[in-house]
Amino acid sequence: MHIPLLSYYGDDLTGSTDVMEALSSQGVETALFLKVPEPSLFERFARCRAFGLAGTSRSQTPGWMAENLPPAFLWLKALKAEIAHYKVCSTFDSSPGVGNIGKAIEIGRDVFGAAPVPLVIGAPQIRRYTAFGNLFAAFRGETYRIDRHPVMSRHPVTPHERGGYPPSPFASDIAQRGSCRSRATRVAGRGRVRRQGSRGSPTRPSRCRG
């Protein structure tokens, strides 16, 4: 089998299909499985350049992750793809007890090795992006910093209490685990961000067009 370009685990089904769509739209033939496939099934798709597993870790506990993610990650590692990707939601949903991204990173480093783990958060095509170290998302034609978003700031499981990275309460968890330090990735866009305060901290940006 040839060396794949990318392998990935999706923390939910819809996001996993989004990754498959993004890859396929750029000419990267992708196969997505709901569980680790039997060799005979995998062989039918061996020509593909990317392979994914659609999981449910976004809604699971750290204990569930500790039991179920290692076998999935070991399968991905065995593919020897150039890039191994753990797909999270573009609104960075995570909490210490549910969908803990820090725990997933810890498990991934145990399987793949203790290398730096870059966090790239955003989906510009649906107006979710990072700018100046803050996460923004659109709602009904307006773009909000995530802690001021009418929905995400009130999420019943992973409410966003602040806009800077990491925006949810599991920030200390990643720091304690030493998995990585988030570095904001600025996504260029047409909208201008208004600043206020003595230090120029970014708040809600103006409406983005285009």
Protein backbone atom coordinates (compact mmCIF):
# COMPACT_ATOMS: atom_id res chain seq x y z
CA MET A 1 0.00 0.00 0.00
CA HIS A 2 1.20 3.52 -0.76
CA ILE A 3 1.84 6.00 2.04
CA PRO A 4 -1.34 8.06 2.63
CA LEU A 5 -1.23 11.82 2.72
CA LEU A 6 -3.41 12.06 5.84
CA SER A 7 -5.15 9.95 8.46
CA TYR A 8 -7.62 11.35 10.94
CA TYR A 9 -9.97 10.65 13.82
CA GLY A 10 -13.12 12.77 13.96
CA ASP A 11 -14.63 13.55 17.35
CA ASP A 12 -18.13 13.33 15.87
CA LEU A 13 -19.77 12.01 12.71
CA THR A 14 -20.75 15.28 11.06
CA GLY A 15 -17.32 16.81 11.54
CA SER A 16 -15.73 13.65 10.16
CA THR A 17 -17.75 13.96 6.97
CA ASP A 18 -16.78 17.64 6.78
CA VAL A 19 -13.11 16.62 6.72
CA MET A 20 -13.85 14.06 4.02
CA GLU A 21 -15.69 16.71 1.99
CA ALA A 22 -12.86 19.23 2.36
CA LEU A 23 -10.25 16.72 1.26
CA SER A 24 -12.31 15.35 -1.61
CA SER A 25 -13.12 18.83 -2.92
CA GLN A 26 -9.37 19.39 -3.28
CA GLY A 27 -8.82 16.17 -5.17
CA VAL A 28 -7.75 14.00 -2.22
CA GLU A 29 -9.72 10.76 -2.47
CA THR A 30 -10.81 9.87 1.07
CA ALA A 31 -12.35 6.85 2.78
CA LEU A 32 -14.20 7.28 6.08
CA PHE A 33 -14.95 4.34 8.37
CA LEU A 34 -17.24 4.12 11.39
CA LYS A 35 -14.86 1.72 13.13
CA VAL A 36 -11.46 0.18 12.47
CA PRO A 37 -12.14 -1.77 9.26
CA GLU A 38 -11.43 -5.41 8.62
CA PRO A 39 -8.49 -5.89 6.23
CA SER A 40 -10.78 -7.09 3.44
CA LEU A 41 -12.90 -3.93 3.68
CA PHE A 42 -9.91 -1.63 3.89
CA GLU A 43 -8.38 -3.24 0.81
CA ARG A 44 -11.33 -2.07 -1.27
CA PHE A 45 -10.29 1.54 -0.56
CA ALA A 46 -6.51 1.12 -0.45
CA ARG A 47 -6.12 3.46 -3.44
CA CYS A 48 -7.33 6.43 -1.38
CA ARG A 49 -4.89 9.10 -0.22
CA ALA A 50 -6.64 9.83 3.11
CA PHE A 51 -8.40 7.64 5.68
CA GLY A 52 -10.62 8.64 8.57
CA LEU A 53 -12.41 7.17 11.56
CA ALA A 54 -15.68 8.79 12.62
CA GLY A 55 -15.84 8.70 16.40
CA THR A 56 -17.86 10.14 19.27
CA SER A 57 -15.20 11.51 21.63
CA ARG A 58 -16.70 15.01 21.55
CA SER A 59 -19.49 13.76 23.84
CA GLN A 60 -17.48 11.26 25.88
CA THR A 61 -15.67 11.28 29.23
CA PRO A 62 -11.89 11.10 29.75
CA GLY A 63 -12.35 7.54 30.99
CA TRP A 64 -14.07 6.57 27.73
CA MET A 65 -11.28 8.24 25.79
CA ALA A 66 -8.60 6.34 27.71
CA GLU A 67 -10.26 3.05 26.75
CA ASN A 68 -11.36 3.75 23.19
CA LEU A 69 -8.95 6.24 21.62
CA PRO A 70 -5.70 4.22 21.88
CA PRO A 71 -6.89 1.40 19.56
CA ALA A 72 -8.14 3.97 17.03
CA PHE A 73 -4.92 5.97 17.19
CA LEU A 74 -2.81 2.82 16.86
CA TRP A 75 -4.66 1.96 13.66
CA LEU A 76 -4.06 5.45 12.31
CA LYS A 77 -0.39 5.22 13.24
CA ALA A 78 -0.07 1.92 11.40
CA LEU A 79 -1.14 3.66 8.19
CA LYS A 80 2.07 5.75 8.38
CA ALA A 81 0.38 8.77 6.84
CA GLU A 82 2.40 11.95 6.47
CA ILE A 83 -0.07 13.77 8.74
CA ALA A 84 -2.17 12.35 11.59
CA HIS A 85 -5.06 14.64 12.45
CA TYR A 86 -7.47 14.74 15.42
CA LYS A 87 -10.49 16.67 14.21
CA VAL A 88 -12.24 18.91 16.77
CA CYS A 89 -15.16 21.27 16.31
CA SER A 90 -14.32 24.69 14.90
CA THR A 91 -15.90 26.19 18.04
CA PHE A 92 -13.38 24.25 20.17
CA ASP A 93 -15.99 22.50 22.32
CA SER A 94 -14.30 20.91 25.31
CA SER A 95 -14.64 20.59 29.08
CA PRO A 96 -12.74 18.66 31.76
CA GLY A 97 -15.49 16.02 31.97
CA VAL A 98 -16.85 15.88 28.41
CA GLY A 99 -15.01 15.95 25.09
CA ASN A 100 -11.73 16.85 26.78
CA ILE A 101 -9.37 17.86 23.96
CA GLY A 102 -6.43 17.94 26.39
CA LYS A 103 -7.02 14.28 27.24
CA ALA A 104 -7.17 13.37 23.55
CA ILE A 105 -3.86 15.14 22.94
CA GLU A 106 -2.29 13.32 25.88
CA ILE A 107 -3.40 9.95 24.49
CA GLY A 108 -2.25 10.90 21.02
CA ARG A 109 1.22 11.80 22.30
CA ASP A 110 1.42 8.45 24.10
CA VAL A 111 0.70 6.67 20.81
CA PHE A 112 2.47 8.85 18.23
CA GLY A 113 5.30 10.18 20.38
CA ALA A 114 5.90 13.28 22.47
CA ALA A 115 6.22 15.74 19.60
CA PRO A 116 4.65 19.24 19.52
CA VAL A 117 0.93 19.20 18.71
CA PRO A 118 -0.18 22.29 16.75
CA LEU A 119 -3.77 23.46 17.22
CA VAL A 120 -5.39 24.88 14.11
CA ILE A 121 -8.91 26.00 14.95
CA GLY A 122 -11.32 27.47 12.45
CA ALA A 123 -13.59 26.95 9.47
CA PRO A 124 -13.49 30.20 7.48
CA GLN A 125 -16.05 28.97 4.96
CA ILE A 126 -18.69 29.10 7.72
CA ARG A 127 -17.16 32.17 9.36
CA ARG A 128 -15.47 30.54 12.31
CA TYR A 129 -11.90 31.68 12.73
CA THR A 130 -9.09 32.73 15.06
CA ALA A 131 -7.73 36.28 15.08
CA PHE A 132 -5.39 37.92 17.57
CA GLY A 133 -5.59 34.88 19.84
CA ASN A 134 -9.40 34.96 20.03
CA LEU A 135 -12.04 32.68 18.54
CA PHE A 136 -14.93 34.13 16.52
CA ALA A 137 -18.07 32.55 15.09
CA ALA A 138 -21.03 33.82 13.07
CA PHE A 139 -24.71 33.73 13.99
CA ARG A 140 -27.54 35.05 11.81
CA GLY A 141 -25.33 37.28 9.73
CA GLU A 142 -23.27 38.71 12.58
CA THR A 143 -19.83 37.60 13.80
CA TYR A 144 -19.19 37.37 17.55
CA ARG A 145 -16.25 36.64 19.78
CA ILE A 146 -17.05 33.18 21.10
CA ASP A 147 -17.75 34.27 24.69
CA ARG A 148 -20.35 36.73 23.36
CA HIS A 149 -21.90 34.35 20.86
CA PRO A 150 -25.67 34.01 21.50
CA VAL A 151 -25.47 30.20 21.39
CA MET A 152 -21.90 29.08 22.11
CA SER A 153 -21.54 31.21 25.21
CA ARG A 154 -24.54 29.35 26.66
CA HIS A 155 -23.74 25.84 25.50
CA PRO A 156 -25.26 23.41 28.06
CA VAL A 157 -22.14 21.20 28.24
CA THR A 158 -19.18 23.30 27.08
CA PRO A 159 -20.09 26.99 27.53
CA HIS A 160 -17.45 29.42 26.32
CA GLU A 161 -16.68 31.75 29.18
CA ARG A 162 -13.84 33.64 27.50
CA GLY A 163 -12.77 34.39 23.95
CA GLY A 164 -9.01 33.90 24.18
CA TYR A 165 -7.35 30.54 23.58
CA PRO A 166 -8.08 28.11 24.99
CA PRO A 167 -11.58 29.63 25.29
CA SER A 168 -13.23 26.97 27.47
CA PRO A 169 -12.61 25.89 31.08
CA PHE A 170 -10.23 23.06 30.15
CA ALA A 171 -7.39 25.58 29.57
CA SER A 172 -5.66 24.62 32.80
CA ASP A 173 -6.00 20.95 31.90
CA ILE A 174 -3.91 21.33 28.75
CA ALA A 175 -1.36 23.41 30.64
CA GLN A 176 -1.07 20.83 33.41
CA ARG A 177 -0.69 17.98 30.97
CA GLY A 178 2.00 19.87 29.08
CA SER A 179 0.55 18.74 25.78
CA CYS A 180 1.27 21.94 23.91
CA ARG A 181 0.91 25.67 24.07
CA SER A 182 -1.71 27.09 21.78
CA ARG A 183 -0.49 29.55 19.24
CA ALA A 184 -3.13 31.60 17.47
CA THR A 185 -3.44 31.09 13.76
CA ARG A 186 -4.64 34.20 12.02
CA VAL A 187 -6.94 33.58 9.11
CA ALA A 188 -7.00 36.46 6.66
CA GLY A 189 -10.41 37.90 5.91
CA ARG A 190 -12.06 41.04 4.69
CA GLY A 191 -13.59 42.09 8.00
CA ARG A 192 -11.89 44.60 10.25
CA VAL A 193 -11.69 43.97 13.98
CA ARG A 194 -12.49 46.84 16.32
CA ARG A 195 -10.26 47.18 19.36
CA GLN A 196 -11.00 48.73 22.68
CA GLY A 197 -9.31 49.03 26.03
CA SER A 198 -5.89 50.30 26.98
CA ARG A 199 -4.16 47.21 25.64
CA GLY A 200 -6.18 47.01 22.45
CA SER A 201 -7.77 43.69 23.28
CA PRO A 202 -9.98 42.48 20.44
CA THR A 203 -13.72 42.39 21.01
CA ARG A 204 -16.59 41.81 18.64
CA PRO A 205 -15.53 42.39 15.01
CA SER A 206 -17.49 44.33 12.47
CA ARG A 207 -19.67 42.42 10.05
CA CYS A 208 -17.63 40.44 7.54
CA ARG A 209 -18.65 40.58 3.93
CA GLY A 210 -17.73 38.06 1.31
